[in-house]
Amino acid sequence: MTTPETWKGQCHCGAVRFSVTTDLEGLADCNCSRCKRLGWVMKGVPESAFTLEAGEDRLVDYRFNTHAISHLFCRDCGIESFGRGQDGAGNKMVMINVNCLEGAPDIDRSTIKHWDGRNF
């Protein structure tokens, strides 16, 4: 098990910036209609591990299907660097797009969990 680190992340243009404390274990991707197109590598964290540092006013909310997940993207560059929702027990969580973390290692997709969101 790796030790959690504090990572900085942002959208493409830098208007939305955040920090998150997490390890990079348990990464996943998803084959739902949205994630498949975006190419996300996901890491879920408790809301308490996430801090939005800038850009709240630049975020646009998009919800689809059950409308349970708040897909938040930058109104300037269009990048979704994180989303908000709840885990199965109702705890607030944030789903980080690992591809938006500064200095994160390249991810070998053959080593991560594949979530069947298409059939969920």
Protein backbone atom coordinates (compact mmCIF):
# COMPACT_ATOMS: atom_id res chain seq x y z
CA MET A 1 0.00 0.00 0.00
CA THR A 2 1.32 3.42 -0.91
CA THR A 3 1.30 6.41 1.39
CA PRO A 4 -1.25 9.14 0.61
CA GLU A 5 0.21 12.31 -0.86
CA THR A 6 -1.25 15.73 -1.46
CA TRP A 7 -1.60 16.29 -5.18
CA LYS A 8 -2.40 19.50 -7.05
CA GLY A 9 -4.78 19.31 -9.98
CA GLN A 10 -6.44 21.57 -12.48
CA CYS A 11 -8.44 21.84 -15.66
CA HIS A 12 -6.60 22.54 -18.93
CA CYS A 13 -6.65 26.33 -18.69
CA GLY A 14 -5.99 26.48 -14.93
CA ALA A 15 -9.17 28.36 -14.02
CA VAL A 16 -10.29 25.39 -11.86
CA ARG A 17 -7.63 24.29 -9.37
CA PHE A 18 -7.78 21.85 -6.49
CA SER A 19 -5.73 19.78 -4.07
CA VAL A 20 -6.47 16.23 -2.98
CA THR A 21 -4.82 13.93 -0.46
CA THR A 22 -4.84 10.34 -1.65
CA ASP A 23 -2.76 7.43 -2.79
CA LEU A 24 -2.99 6.35 -6.40
CA GLU A 25 -4.20 2.82 -5.70
CA GLY A 26 -7.58 1.47 -6.73
CA LEU A 27 -7.74 3.45 -9.96
CA ALA A 28 -10.53 2.68 -12.40
CA ASP A 29 -12.03 3.54 -15.71
CA CYS A 30 -15.63 3.21 -16.85
CA ASN A 31 -17.35 2.24 -20.08
CA CYS A 32 -20.50 4.35 -19.66
CA SER A 33 -21.40 6.59 -22.58
CA ARG A 34 -19.79 9.64 -20.97
CA CYS A 35 -16.60 8.25 -19.38
CA LYS A 36 -15.76 6.20 -22.46
CA ARG A 37 -15.68 9.36 -24.54
CA LEU A 38 -13.70 11.33 -21.95
CA GLY A 39 -11.00 8.73 -21.26
CA TRP A 40 -11.07 9.31 -17.51
CA VAL A 41 -8.86 7.48 -15.04
CA MET A 42 -10.84 7.72 -11.81
CA LYS A 43 -9.92 7.83 -8.14
CA GLY A 44 -12.68 8.25 -5.57
CA VAL A 45 -11.88 10.13 -2.36
CA PRO A 46 -13.94 11.28 0.64
CA GLU A 47 -15.10 14.87 0.34
CA SER A 48 -12.86 15.77 3.31
CA ALA A 49 -9.72 14.84 1.28
CA PHE A 50 -10.55 17.38 -1.46
CA THR A 51 -10.14 21.16 -1.51
CA LEU A 52 -11.32 23.33 -4.40
CA GLU A 53 -8.75 26.14 -4.43
CA ALA A 54 -10.02 28.23 -7.35
CA GLY A 55 -12.70 28.28 -10.01
CA GLU A 56 -15.99 27.55 -8.24
CA ASP A 57 -17.51 30.29 -10.40
CA ARG A 58 -16.10 28.65 -13.57
CA LEU A 59 -17.75 25.25 -12.99
CA VAL A 60 -20.75 24.07 -14.98
CA ASP A 61 -22.79 21.13 -13.68
CA TYR A 62 -23.93 18.37 -16.02
CA ARG A 63 -26.11 15.47 -14.86
CA PHE A 64 -27.44 12.56 -16.87
CA ASN A 65 -29.15 9.20 -16.41
CA THR A 66 -30.07 9.08 -12.68
CA HIS A 67 -28.81 12.66 -12.11
CA ALA A 68 -26.99 11.43 -8.98
CA ILE A 69 -23.49 12.51 -10.04
CA SER A 70 -22.53 16.14 -10.47
CA HIS A 71 -20.19 16.16 -13.46
CA LEU A 72 -18.40 19.49 -13.15
CA PHE A 73 -16.47 20.95 -16.04
CA CYS A 74 -14.70 24.24 -16.64
CA ARG A 75 -16.81 26.67 -18.65
CA ASP A 76 -13.64 28.05 -20.26
CA CYS A 77 -11.73 24.96 -21.46
CA GLY A 78 -14.38 22.22 -21.06
CA ILE A 79 -12.24 19.83 -18.98
CA GLU A 80 -13.90 17.79 -16.22
CA SER A 81 -11.15 17.41 -13.61
CA PHE A 82 -13.47 16.06 -10.88
CA GLY A 83 -17.08 15.25 -10.10
CA ARG A 84 -19.14 15.04 -6.92
CA GLY A 85 -21.50 12.39 -5.68
CA GLN A 86 -22.06 9.82 -2.94
CA ASP A 87 -20.77 6.34 -2.34
CA GLY A 88 -23.08 3.36 -1.80
CA ALA A 89 -23.44 4.21 1.91
CA GLY A 90 -24.47 7.82 1.20
CA ASN A 91 -21.13 9.41 2.14
CA LYS A 92 -20.18 12.48 0.11
CA MET A 93 -17.28 11.81 -2.20
CA VAL A 94 -15.31 13.38 -5.02
CA MET A 95 -14.21 11.46 -8.10
CA ILE A 96 -10.87 12.79 -9.31
CA ASN A 97 -9.74 12.58 -12.93
CA VAL A 98 -6.17 11.35 -12.28
CA ASN A 99 -5.17 12.66 -15.72
CA CYS A 100 -5.64 16.18 -14.30
CA LEU A 101 -3.15 15.76 -11.43
CA GLU A 102 0.16 17.56 -11.80
CA GLY A 103 3.11 15.16 -11.77
CA ALA A 104 1.01 12.00 -11.64
CA PRO A 105 2.68 9.02 -13.29
CA ASP A 106 1.45 7.68 -16.61
CA ILE A 107 -1.23 5.07 -15.96
CA ASP A 108 -1.05 1.61 -17.50
CA ARG A 109 -4.74 1.00 -18.16
CA SER A 110 -4.22 -2.76 -18.14
CA THR A 111 -3.50 -2.52 -14.38
CA ILE A 112 -6.64 -0.66 -13.28
CA LYS A 113 -10.19 -1.78 -12.45
CA HIS A 114 -12.68 -1.56 -15.29
CA TRP A 115 -16.16 -0.48 -14.11
CA ASP A 116 -19.07 -1.64 -16.25
CA GLY A 117 -21.01 1.63 -16.07
CA ARG A 118 -22.72 0.89 -19.39
CA ASN A 119 -24.72 -1.92 -17.74
CA PHE A 120 -25.03 -0.40 -14.26
